[in-house]
Amino acid sequence: MKNKIIAIMYDFDKTLCTKDMQEYTFIPNLGMDTSEFWNNANQLRENDKMDQVLTYMYLMVKKTEDIGHHLTRDYLNKMGESVELFPGVINWFQRINEYGQKLGVKVEHYIISSGVKEIIEGSKIGKYFKEIYASEFYYDEKGHAVWPKTAINYTNKTQFLMRINKGVLDMADDYGINKKMDDKDRRIAFSNMIYIGDGLTDVPCMKLTKDGGGVSIAVYTDKSFKTTKTLIDDERINYAALADYSEGSKLDMIVKKTIEAMAINTELNNLSYSDDKIVKM
């Protein structure tokens, strides 16, 4: 029997919040402007052929030490409090959960982001996610960040869709994620998945979700619509909507209609497995 669970996966930066999460408090506290920090990161990456995510994580540690401090988990969690969210995001999760309950399905929310997990955890919405898959630091015995514990870039994001699909959520479980599993045994079918992102770094996840029978949605602002237009033209997504999560918004209606359709299909699939009089669809 198929589980009556629908997973909504989100990117974070410029999907749920208005800009890169480091730009609210972390970079200003270094005495730098955002363009200076990211230019430094891009130059280091190009000169030393580094991974983009590992580059910015290295610079976060180094630049903090340069001003006489250490990067700690508590400090990054505190940064999450200043993250500015798009309209409607604060009430979104409870509202969508309740909508799913009315339709007889459970909605779970997941983050799959190249941003910093500790900052996301400290944000006003950190408590609403079943799992937060994001880049994270390793801390020494003094609580100082010394190494990347996890680095998530746009290409390895897709492994987390597979983890959610199979129900193998533990990052340390490499055996379970690679073990063969029949479709009927997977916790959440791809056809019960919704991916919400904002840009080209989300393309692998958008494509995998869409190709698997799920729904991919791009959110945009007036400044970012050009990128979204590319995703539409390249058929990477099912829908596009303004980054407004308020009740009655276009995004709200798209997600609710999608949940309705998924709830109906899940019920039909359950009937097809349990009733001999019904032909499996």
C-alpha atoms as a PDB file:
ATOM      1  CA  MET A   1       0.000   0.000   0.000  1.00  0.00           C
ATOM      2  CA  LYS A   2       1.326   3.436  -0.923  1.00  0.00           C
ATOM      3  CA  ASN A   3       1.885   5.822   1.987  1.00  0.00           C
ATOM      4  CA  LYS A   4      -0.355   8.862   2.065  1.00  0.00           C
ATOM      5  CA  ILE A   5       2.571  11.264   2.371  1.00  0.00           C
ATOM      6  CA  ILE A   6       3.403  14.237   0.173  1.00  0.00           C
ATOM      7  CA  ALA A   7       6.888  15.759   0.372  1.00  0.00           C
ATOM      8  CA  ILE A   8       7.549  19.397  -0.445  1.00  0.00           C
ATOM      9  CA  MET A   9      11.241  20.142  -0.916  1.00  0.00           C
ATOM     10  CA  TYR A  10      12.580  23.696  -0.927  1.00  0.00           C
ATOM     11  CA  ASP A  11      15.759  25.463  -1.785  1.00  0.00           C
ATOM     12  CA  PHE A  12      16.281  28.240   0.791  1.00  0.00           C
ATOM     13  CA  ASP A  13      18.184  31.278  -0.488  1.00  0.00           C
ATOM     14  CA  LYS A  14      15.958  33.355  -2.804  1.00  0.00           C
ATOM     15  CA  THR A  15      13.292  30.670  -2.564  1.00  0.00           C
ATOM     16  CA  LEU A  16      12.050  31.125   0.994  1.00  0.00           C
ATOM     17  CA  CYS A  17      14.219  34.106   1.944  1.00  0.00           C
ATOM     18  CA  THR A  18      14.893  37.213  -0.115  1.00  0.00           C
ATOM     19  CA  LYS A  19      18.679  36.899  -0.674  1.00  0.00           C
ATOM     20  CA  ASP A  20      21.693  34.776   0.240  1.00  0.00           C
ATOM     21  CA  MET A  21      21.475  34.080   3.965  1.00  0.00           C
ATOM     22  CA  GLN A  22      25.018  35.328   4.720  1.00  0.00           C
ATOM     23  CA  GLU A  23      24.050  38.791   3.480  1.00  0.00           C
ATOM     24  CA  TYR A  24      21.662  39.679   6.306  1.00  0.00           C
ATOM     25  CA  THR A  25      24.076  39.736   9.246  1.00  0.00           C
ATOM     26  CA  PHE A  26      27.148  37.572   8.724  1.00  0.00           C
ATOM     27  CA  ILE A  27      28.883  39.588   5.982  1.00  0.00           C
ATOM     28  CA  PRO A  28      28.025  43.021   7.477  1.00  0.00           C
ATOM     29  CA  ASN A  29      29.503  41.845  10.810  1.00  0.00           C
ATOM     30  CA  LEU A  30      32.788  41.226   8.991  1.00  0.00           C
ATOM     31  CA  GLY A  31      32.875  44.891   8.003  1.00  0.00           C
ATOM     32  CA  MET A  32      32.496  43.918   4.346  1.00  0.00           C
ATOM     33  CA  ASP A  33      29.818  44.572   1.771  1.00  0.00           C
ATOM     34  CA  THR A  34      28.236  41.606   0.058  1.00  0.00           C
ATOM     35  CA  SER A  35      29.847  42.173  -3.329  1.00  0.00           C
ATOM     36  CA  GLU A  36      33.318  42.246  -1.742  1.00  0.00           C
ATOM     37  CA  PHE A  37      32.781  38.926   0.047  1.00  0.00           C
ATOM     38  CA  TRP A  38      31.379  37.121  -2.984  1.00  0.00           C
ATOM     39  CA  ASN A  39      34.007  38.603  -5.289  1.00  0.00           C
ATOM     40  CA  ASN A  40      36.686  37.253  -2.939  1.00  0.00           C
ATOM     41  CA  ALA A  41      35.004  33.857  -3.007  1.00  0.00           C
ATOM     42  CA  ASN A  42      34.735  33.819  -6.791  1.00  0.00           C
ATOM     43  CA  GLN A  43      38.354  34.875  -7.248  1.00  0.00           C
ATOM     44  CA  LEU A  44      39.601  32.190  -4.847  1.00  0.00           C
ATOM     45  CA  ARG A  45      37.458  29.568  -6.549  1.00  0.00           C
ATOM     46  CA  GLU A  46      38.713  30.475 -10.014  1.00  0.00           C
ATOM     47  CA  ASN A  47      42.363  30.789  -9.030  1.00  0.00           C
ATOM     48  CA  ASP A  48      42.521  27.521  -7.074  1.00  0.00           C
ATOM     49  CA  LYS A  49      39.818  25.577  -8.960  1.00  0.00           C
ATOM     50  CA  MET A  50      37.816  25.049  -5.786  1.00  0.00           C
ATOM     51  CA  ASP A  51      34.252  23.865  -5.337  1.00  0.00           C
ATOM     52  CA  GLN A  52      31.995  26.891  -4.989  1.00  0.00           C
ATOM     53  CA  VAL A  53      30.405  25.793  -1.712  1.00  0.00           C
ATOM     54  CA  LEU A  54      33.697  24.744  -0.107  1.00  0.00           C
ATOM     55  CA  THR A  55      35.115  28.116  -1.108  1.00  0.00           C
ATOM     56  CA  TYR A  56      32.507  30.192   0.663  1.00  0.00           C
ATOM     57  CA  MET A  57      32.637  27.927   3.732  1.00  0.00           C
ATOM     58  CA  TYR A  58      36.407  28.346   3.939  1.00  0.00           C
ATOM     59  CA  LEU A  59      36.061  32.119   3.653  1.00  0.00           C
ATOM     60  CA  MET A  60      33.401  32.222   6.371  1.00  0.00           C
ATOM     61  CA  VAL A  61      35.865  30.605   8.785  1.00  0.00           C
ATOM     62  CA  LYS A  62      38.890  32.624   7.657  1.00  0.00           C
ATOM     63  CA  LYS A  63      37.208  36.041   7.542  1.00  0.00           C
ATOM     64  CA  THR A  64      35.738  35.486  11.006  1.00  0.00           C
ATOM     65  CA  GLU A  65      39.182  34.623  12.364  1.00  0.00           C
ATOM     66  CA  ASP A  66      40.632  37.672  10.589  1.00  0.00           C
ATOM     67  CA  ILE A  67      38.510  39.935  12.798  1.00  0.00           C
ATOM     68  CA  GLY A  68      39.597  38.074  15.953  1.00  0.00           C
ATOM     69  CA  HIS A  69      36.638  35.754  16.450  1.00  0.00           C
ATOM     70  CA  HIS A  70      35.759  32.112  15.886  1.00  0.00           C
ATOM     71  CA  LEU A  71      32.848  30.746  13.902  1.00  0.00           C
ATOM     72  CA  THR A  72      30.564  28.760  16.227  1.00  0.00           C
ATOM     73  CA  ARG A  73      27.255  26.964  15.876  1.00  0.00           C
ATOM     74  CA  ASP A  74      25.549  29.337  18.320  1.00  0.00           C
ATOM     75  CA  TYR A  75      26.803  32.349  16.376  1.00  0.00           C
ATOM     76  CA  LEU A  76      25.438  30.961  13.094  1.00  0.00           C
ATOM     77  CA  ASN A  77      22.131  29.945  14.695  1.00  0.00           C
ATOM     78  CA  LYS A  78      21.791  33.526  15.912  1.00  0.00           C
ATOM     79  CA  MET A  79      22.299  34.732  12.337  1.00  0.00           C
ATOM     80  CA  GLY A  80      19.150  32.871  11.372  1.00  0.00           C
ATOM     81  CA  GLU A  81      17.007  35.275  13.373  1.00  0.00           C
ATOM     82  CA  SER A  82      17.731  38.093  10.923  1.00  0.00           C
ATOM     83  CA  VAL A  83      16.779  36.169   7.784  1.00  0.00           C
ATOM     84  CA  GLU A  84      14.018  38.004   5.907  1.00  0.00           C
ATOM     85  CA  LEU A  85      11.381  35.694   4.482  1.00  0.00           C
ATOM     86  CA  PHE A  86       9.098  36.198   1.502  1.00  0.00           C
ATOM     87  CA  PRO A  87       5.466  37.177   2.164  1.00  0.00           C
ATOM     88  CA  GLY A  88       3.372  34.410   3.684  1.00  0.00           C
ATOM     89  CA  VAL A  89       6.266  32.048   4.483  1.00  0.00           C
ATOM     90  CA  ILE A  90       5.814  32.245   8.270  1.00  0.00           C
ATOM     91  CA  ASN A  91       2.280  30.807   8.170  1.00  0.00           C
ATOM     92  CA  TRP A  92       2.790  28.653   5.069  1.00  0.00           C
ATOM     93  CA  PHE A  93       3.805  25.355   6.656  1.00  0.00           C
ATOM     94  CA  GLN A  94       0.995  25.091   9.185  1.00  0.00           C
ATOM     95  CA  ARG A  95      -1.552  26.196   6.586  1.00  0.00           C
ATOM     96  CA  ILE A  96      -0.400  23.647   4.000  1.00  0.00           C
ATOM     97  CA  ASN A  97      -0.223  20.883   6.617  1.00  0.00           C
ATOM     98  CA  GLU A  98      -3.818  21.555   7.623  1.00  0.00           C
ATOM     99  CA  TYR A  99      -4.902  21.582   3.994  1.00  0.00           C
ATOM    100  CA  GLY A 100      -3.308  18.196   3.442  1.00  0.00           C
ATOM    101  CA  GLN A 101      -4.970  16.779   6.561  1.00  0.00           C
ATOM    102  CA  LYS A 102      -8.387  17.760   5.206  1.00  0.00           C
ATOM    103  CA  LEU A 103      -7.604  15.697   2.103  1.00  0.00           C
ATOM    104  CA  GLY A 104      -6.406  12.703   4.086  1.00  0.00           C
ATOM    105  CA  VAL A 105      -2.691  13.095   3.380  1.00  0.00           C
ATOM    106  CA  LYS A 106       0.303  14.071   5.480  1.00  0.00           C
ATOM    107  CA  VAL A 107       2.518  16.844   4.108  1.00  0.00           C
ATOM    108  CA  GLU A 108       6.201  16.847   5.045  1.00  0.00           C
ATOM    109  CA  HIS A 109       8.606  19.721   4.379  1.00  0.00           C
ATOM    110  CA  TYR A 110      12.310  19.381   3.566  1.00  0.00           C
ATOM    111  CA  ILE A 111      15.145  21.795   2.829  1.00  0.00           C
ATOM    112  CA  ILE A 112      17.741  20.920   0.168  1.00  0.00           C
ATOM    113  CA  SER A 113      20.116  23.880   0.071  1.00  0.00           C
ATOM    114  CA  SER A 114      23.703  24.862  -0.632  1.00  0.00           C
ATOM    115  CA  GLY A 115      23.352  27.396   2.173  1.00  0.00           C
ATOM    116  CA  VAL A 116      24.360  26.992   5.815  1.00  0.00           C
ATOM    117  CA  LYS A 117      22.342  24.503   7.853  1.00  0.00           C
ATOM    118  CA  GLU A 118      23.065  26.241  11.157  1.00  0.00           C
ATOM    119  CA  ILE A 119      21.614  29.523   9.877  1.00  0.00           C
ATOM    120  CA  ILE A 120      18.509  27.797   8.534  1.00  0.00           C
ATOM    121  CA  GLU A 121      18.005  25.995  11.860  1.00  0.00           C
ATOM    122  CA  GLY A 122      18.089  29.343  13.650  1.00  0.00           C
ATOM    123  CA  SER A 123      15.580  31.000  11.341  1.00  0.00           C
ATOM    124  CA  LYS A 124      11.942  31.568  12.265  1.00  0.00           C
ATOM    125  CA  ILE A 125      10.919  28.549  10.164  1.00  0.00           C
ATOM    126  CA  GLY A 126      13.672  26.082  11.080  1.00  0.00           C
ATOM    127  CA  LYS A 127      11.329  24.033  13.266  1.00  0.00           C
ATOM    128  CA  TYR A 128       8.929  23.196  10.432  1.00  0.00           C
ATOM    129  CA  PHE A 129      11.198  20.885   8.426  1.00  0.00           C
ATOM    130  CA  LYS A 130      11.383  17.127   8.838  1.00  0.00           C
ATOM    131  CA  GLU A 131      14.979  17.303   7.611  1.00  0.00           C
ATOM    132  CA  ILE A 132      17.285  20.159   6.671  1.00  0.00           C
ATOM    133  CA  TYR A 133      19.837  19.046   4.097  1.00  0.00           C
ATOM    134  CA  ALA A 134      22.309  21.894   3.788  1.00  0.00           C
ATOM    135  CA  SER A 135      26.013  22.648   4.066  1.00  0.00           C
ATOM    136  CA  GLU A 136      27.262  22.317   7.636  1.00  0.00           C
ATOM    137  CA  PHE A 137      30.476  22.877   9.586  1.00  0.00           C
ATOM    138  CA  TYR A 138      32.410  20.454  11.788  1.00  0.00           C
ATOM    139  CA  TYR A 139      33.382  21.923  15.176  1.00  0.00           C
ATOM    140  CA  ASP A 140      36.367  21.101  17.383  1.00  0.00           C
ATOM    141  CA  GLU A 141      36.293  20.477  21.140  1.00  0.00           C
ATOM    142  CA  LYS A 142      36.154  24.250  21.725  1.00  0.00           C
ATOM    143  CA  GLY A 143      33.114  24.590  19.505  1.00  0.00           C
ATOM    144  CA  HIS A 144      35.023  26.359  16.718  1.00  0.00           C
ATOM    145  CA  ALA A 145      34.254  25.583  13.077  1.00  0.00           C
ATOM    146  CA  VAL A 146      37.327  23.904  11.582  1.00  0.00           C
ATOM    147  CA  TRP A 147      36.147  21.896   8.569  1.00  0.00           C
ATOM    148  CA  PRO A 148      33.127  21.370   6.316  1.00  0.00           C
ATOM    149  CA  LYS A 149      31.024  18.538   7.707  1.00  0.00           C
ATOM    150  CA  THR A 150      28.739  18.569   4.688  1.00  0.00           C
ATOM    151  CA  ALA A 151      28.961  20.554   1.454  1.00  0.00           C
ATOM    152  CA  ILE A 152      25.919  20.495  -0.822  1.00  0.00           C
ATOM    153  CA  ASN A 153      26.212  21.815  -4.348  1.00  0.00           C
ATOM    154  CA  TYR A 154      23.764  21.802  -7.214  1.00  0.00           C
ATOM    155  CA  THR A 155      24.869  18.427  -8.589  1.00  0.00           C
ATOM    156  CA  ASN A 156      24.763  16.398  -5.366  1.00  0.00           C
ATOM    157  CA  LYS A 157      21.422  17.867  -4.297  1.00  0.00           C
ATOM    158  CA  THR A 158      19.640  15.060  -6.118  1.00  0.00           C
ATOM    159  CA  GLN A 159      20.839  12.381  -3.673  1.00  0.00           C
ATOM    160  CA  PHE A 160      18.544  13.918  -1.084  1.00  0.00           C
ATOM    161  CA  LEU A 161      15.517  13.441  -3.305  1.00  0.00           C
ATOM    162  CA  MET A 162      16.462   9.766  -3.361  1.00  0.00           C
ATOM    163  CA  ARG A 163      16.820   9.711   0.418  1.00  0.00           C
ATOM    164  CA  ILE A 164      13.353  11.206   0.820  1.00  0.00           C
ATOM    165  CA  ASN A 165      11.974   8.817  -1.804  1.00  0.00           C
ATOM    166  CA  LYS A 166      13.385   5.740  -0.028  1.00  0.00           C
ATOM    167  CA  GLY A 167      12.940   7.022   3.513  1.00  0.00           C
ATOM    168  CA  VAL A 168      16.688   6.764   4.170  1.00  0.00           C
ATOM    169  CA  LEU A 169      17.045  10.162   5.818  1.00  0.00           C
ATOM    170  CA  ASP A 170      20.245   9.581   7.800  1.00  0.00           C
ATOM    171  CA  MET A 171      23.142  11.261   6.001  1.00  0.00           C
ATOM    172  CA  ALA A 172      25.545   8.635   7.350  1.00  0.00           C
ATOM    173  CA  ASP A 173      23.585   5.739   5.841  1.00  0.00           C
ATOM    174  CA  ASP A 174      25.311   5.161   2.513  1.00  0.00           C
ATOM    175  CA  TYR A 175      24.302   1.515   2.400  1.00  0.00           C
ATOM    176  CA  GLY A 176      20.580   2.176   2.606  1.00  0.00           C
ATOM    177  CA  ILE A 177      20.550   4.874  -0.031  1.00  0.00           C
ATOM    178  CA  ASN A 178      22.349   2.637  -2.544  1.00  0.00           C
ATOM    179  CA  LYS A 179      20.498  -0.580  -1.726  1.00  0.00           C
ATOM    180  CA  LYS A 180      18.020  -1.774  -4.335  1.00  0.00           C
ATOM    181  CA  MET A 181      14.428  -1.056  -3.294  1.00  0.00           C
ATOM    182  CA  ASP A 182      11.209  -1.886  -5.122  1.00  0.00           C
ATOM    183  CA  ASP A 183       8.941   1.039  -5.917  1.00  0.00           C
ATOM    184  CA  LYS A 184       6.192  -0.342  -3.690  1.00  0.00           C
ATOM    185  CA  ASP A 185       8.548  -0.261  -0.700  1.00  0.00           C
ATOM    186  CA  ARG A 186       9.661   3.344  -1.116  1.00  0.00           C
ATOM    187  CA  ARG A 187       8.341   5.721   1.514  1.00  0.00           C
ATOM    188  CA  ILE A 188       7.333   8.607  -0.773  1.00  0.00           C
ATOM    189  CA  ALA A 189       6.814   8.137  -4.496  1.00  0.00           C
ATOM    190  CA  PHE A 190       8.275  10.766  -6.826  1.00  0.00           C
ATOM    191  CA  SER A 191       4.724  11.324  -8.023  1.00  0.00           C
ATOM    192  CA  ASN A 192       4.001  12.614  -4.494  1.00  0.00           C
ATOM    193  CA  MET A 193       6.849  15.131  -4.505  1.00  0.00           C
ATOM    194  CA  ILE A 194       6.847  18.887  -5.064  1.00  0.00           C
ATOM    195  CA  TYR A 195      10.128  20.764  -5.540  1.00  0.00           C
ATOM    196  CA  ILE A 196      10.211  24.549  -5.123  1.00  0.00           C
ATOM    197  CA  GLY A 197      13.341  26.455  -6.169  1.00  0.00           C
ATOM    198  CA  ASP A 198      14.406  29.686  -7.786  1.00  0.00           C
ATOM    199  CA  GLY A 199      17.291  29.228 -10.176  1.00  0.00           C
ATOM    200  CA  LEU A 200      19.621  27.251 -12.378  1.00  0.00           C
ATOM    201  CA  THR A 201      21.290  25.516  -9.430  1.00  0.00           C
ATOM    202  CA  ASP A 202      17.924  23.839  -8.782  1.00  0.00           C
ATOM    203  CA  VAL A 203      17.689  22.377 -12.289  1.00  0.00           C
ATOM    204  CA  PRO A 204      18.890  18.822 -11.443  1.00  0.00           C
ATOM    205  CA  CYS A 205      16.307  18.509  -8.652  1.00  0.00           C
ATOM    206  CA  MET A 206      13.595  20.152 -10.719  1.00  0.00           C
ATOM    207  CA  LYS A 207      14.224  17.810 -13.621  1.00  0.00           C
ATOM    208  CA  LEU A 208      14.405  14.658 -11.485  1.00  0.00           C
ATOM    209  CA  THR A 209      11.177  15.556  -9.693  1.00  0.00           C
ATOM    210  CA  LYS A 210       9.348  16.447 -12.901  1.00  0.00           C
ATOM    211  CA  ASP A 211      10.587  13.394 -14.807  1.00  0.00           C
ATOM    212  CA  GLY A 212       9.575  11.161 -11.912  1.00  0.00           C
ATOM    213  CA  GLY A 213       5.965  12.305 -12.095  1.00  0.00           C
ATOM    214  CA  GLY A 214       6.178  14.957  -9.405  1.00  0.00           C
ATOM    215  CA  VAL A 215       5.781  18.716  -9.764  1.00  0.00           C
ATOM    216  CA  SER A 216       8.548  21.330  -9.994  1.00  0.00           C
ATOM    217  CA  ILE A 217       7.806  24.982  -9.314  1.00  0.00           C
ATOM    218  CA  ALA A 218      10.051  28.009  -9.826  1.00  0.00           C
ATOM    219  CA  VAL A 219       9.468  31.079  -7.685  1.00  0.00           C
ATOM    220  CA  TYR A 220      10.684  34.466  -8.818  1.00  0.00           C
ATOM    221  CA  THR A 221      10.807  38.181  -8.089  1.00  0.00           C
ATOM    222  CA  ASP A 222      10.687  41.006 -10.600  1.00  0.00           C
ATOM    223  CA  LYS A 223      14.500  40.939 -10.693  1.00  0.00           C
ATOM    224  CA  SER A 224      14.841  37.187 -11.211  1.00  0.00           C
ATOM    225  CA  PHE A 225      12.113  36.493 -13.758  1.00  0.00           C
ATOM    226  CA  LYS A 226      14.637  36.267 -16.613  1.00  0.00           C
ATOM    227  CA  THR A 227      16.121  33.127 -15.039  1.00  0.00           C
ATOM    228  CA  THR A 228      12.661  31.682 -14.501  1.00  0.00           C
ATOM    229  CA  LYS A 229      11.822  32.345 -18.149  1.00  0.00           C
ATOM    230  CA  THR A 230      14.803  30.155 -19.087  1.00  0.00           C
ATOM    231  CA  LEU A 231      13.489  27.346 -16.878  1.00  0.00           C
ATOM    232  CA  ILE A 232      10.094  27.641 -18.568  1.00  0.00           C
ATOM    233  CA  ASP A 233      11.549  27.680 -22.074  1.00  0.00           C
ATOM    234  CA  ASP A 234      13.768  24.663 -21.304  1.00  0.00           C
ATOM    235  CA  GLU A 235      10.768  22.765 -19.842  1.00  0.00           C
ATOM    236  CA  ARG A 236      12.542  22.226 -16.537  1.00  0.00           C
ATOM    237  CA  ILE A 237       9.482  23.095 -14.466  1.00  0.00           C
ATOM    238  CA  ASN A 238       5.748  22.532 -14.374  1.00  0.00           C
ATOM    239  CA  TYR A 239       4.797  25.940 -12.991  1.00  0.00           C
ATOM    240  CA  ALA A 240       6.210  29.368 -12.153  1.00  0.00           C
ATOM    241  CA  ALA A 241       4.860  31.831  -9.620  1.00  0.00           C
ATOM    242  CA  LEU A 242       5.819  35.018  -7.822  1.00  0.00           C
ATOM    243  CA  ALA A 243       7.638  34.335  -4.534  1.00  0.00           C
ATOM    244  CA  ASP A 244       4.541  35.087  -2.483  1.00  0.00           C
ATOM    245  CA  TYR A 245       3.417  32.314  -0.121  1.00  0.00           C
ATOM    246  CA  SER A 246       0.379  34.213   1.182  1.00  0.00           C
ATOM    247  CA  GLU A 247      -3.011  32.544   1.274  1.00  0.00           C
ATOM    248  CA  GLY A 248      -4.785  33.003  -2.054  1.00  0.00           C
ATOM    249  CA  SER A 249      -1.569  33.790  -3.973  1.00  0.00           C
ATOM    250  CA  LYS A 250      -0.816  32.049  -7.264  1.00  0.00           C
ATOM    251  CA  LEU A 251       1.800  29.869  -5.552  1.00  0.00           C
ATOM    252  CA  ASP A 252      -0.634  28.949  -2.787  1.00  0.00           C
ATOM    253  CA  MET A 253      -3.257  27.892  -5.330  1.00  0.00           C
ATOM    254  CA  ILE A 254      -0.774  25.887  -7.436  1.00  0.00           C
ATOM    255  CA  VAL A 255       0.494  23.923  -4.439  1.00  0.00           C
ATOM    256  CA  LYS A 256      -2.988  23.269  -3.057  1.00  0.00           C
ATOM    257  CA  LYS A 257      -4.294  22.050  -6.431  1.00  0.00           C
ATOM    258  CA  THR A 258      -1.225  19.842  -6.764  1.00  0.00           C
ATOM    259  CA  ILE A 259      -1.814  18.342  -3.319  1.00  0.00           C
ATOM    260  CA  GLU A 260      -5.450  17.693  -4.267  1.00  0.00           C
ATOM    261  CA  ALA A 261      -4.391  15.816  -7.406  1.00  0.00           C
ATOM    262  CA  MET A 262      -1.732  13.845  -5.526  1.00  0.00           C
ATOM    263  CA  ALA A 263      -4.210  12.925  -2.793  1.00  0.00           C
ATOM    264  CA  ILE A 264      -6.662  11.579  -5.373  1.00  0.00           C
ATOM    265  CA  ASN A 265      -3.971   9.614  -7.222  1.00  0.00           C
ATOM    266  CA  THR A 266      -2.646   8.167  -3.975  1.00  0.00           C
ATOM    267  CA  GLU A 267      -6.128   6.982  -3.024  1.00  0.00           C
ATOM    268  CA  LEU A 268      -6.608   5.386  -6.441  1.00  0.00           C
ATOM    269  CA  ASN A 269      -3.244   3.631  -6.170  1.00  0.00           C
ATOM    270  CA  ASN A 270      -4.172   2.314  -2.729  1.00  0.00           C
ATOM    271  CA  LEU A 271      -7.425   0.940  -4.109  1.00  0.00           C
ATOM    272  CA  SER A 272      -5.633  -0.695  -6.998  1.00  0.00           C
ATOM    273  CA  TYR A 273      -3.344  -2.535  -4.597  1.00  0.00           C
ATOM    274  CA  SER A 274      -6.062  -3.596  -2.148  1.00  0.00           C
ATOM    275  CA  ASP A 275      -9.155  -4.347  -4.204  1.00  0.00           C
ATOM    276  CA  ASP A 276      -9.093  -7.304  -6.607  1.00  0.00           C
ATOM    277  CA  LYS A 277     -12.015  -5.817  -8.517  1.00  0.00           C
ATOM    278  CA  ILE A 278     -10.025  -2.761  -9.472  1.00  0.00           C
ATOM    279  CA  VAL A 279      -7.419  -3.035 -12.180  1.00  0.00           C
ATOM    280  CA  LYS A 280      -4.032  -1.612 -11.138  1.00  0.00           C
ATOM    281  CA  MET A 281      -3.553   1.733 -12.880  1.00  0.00           C
END
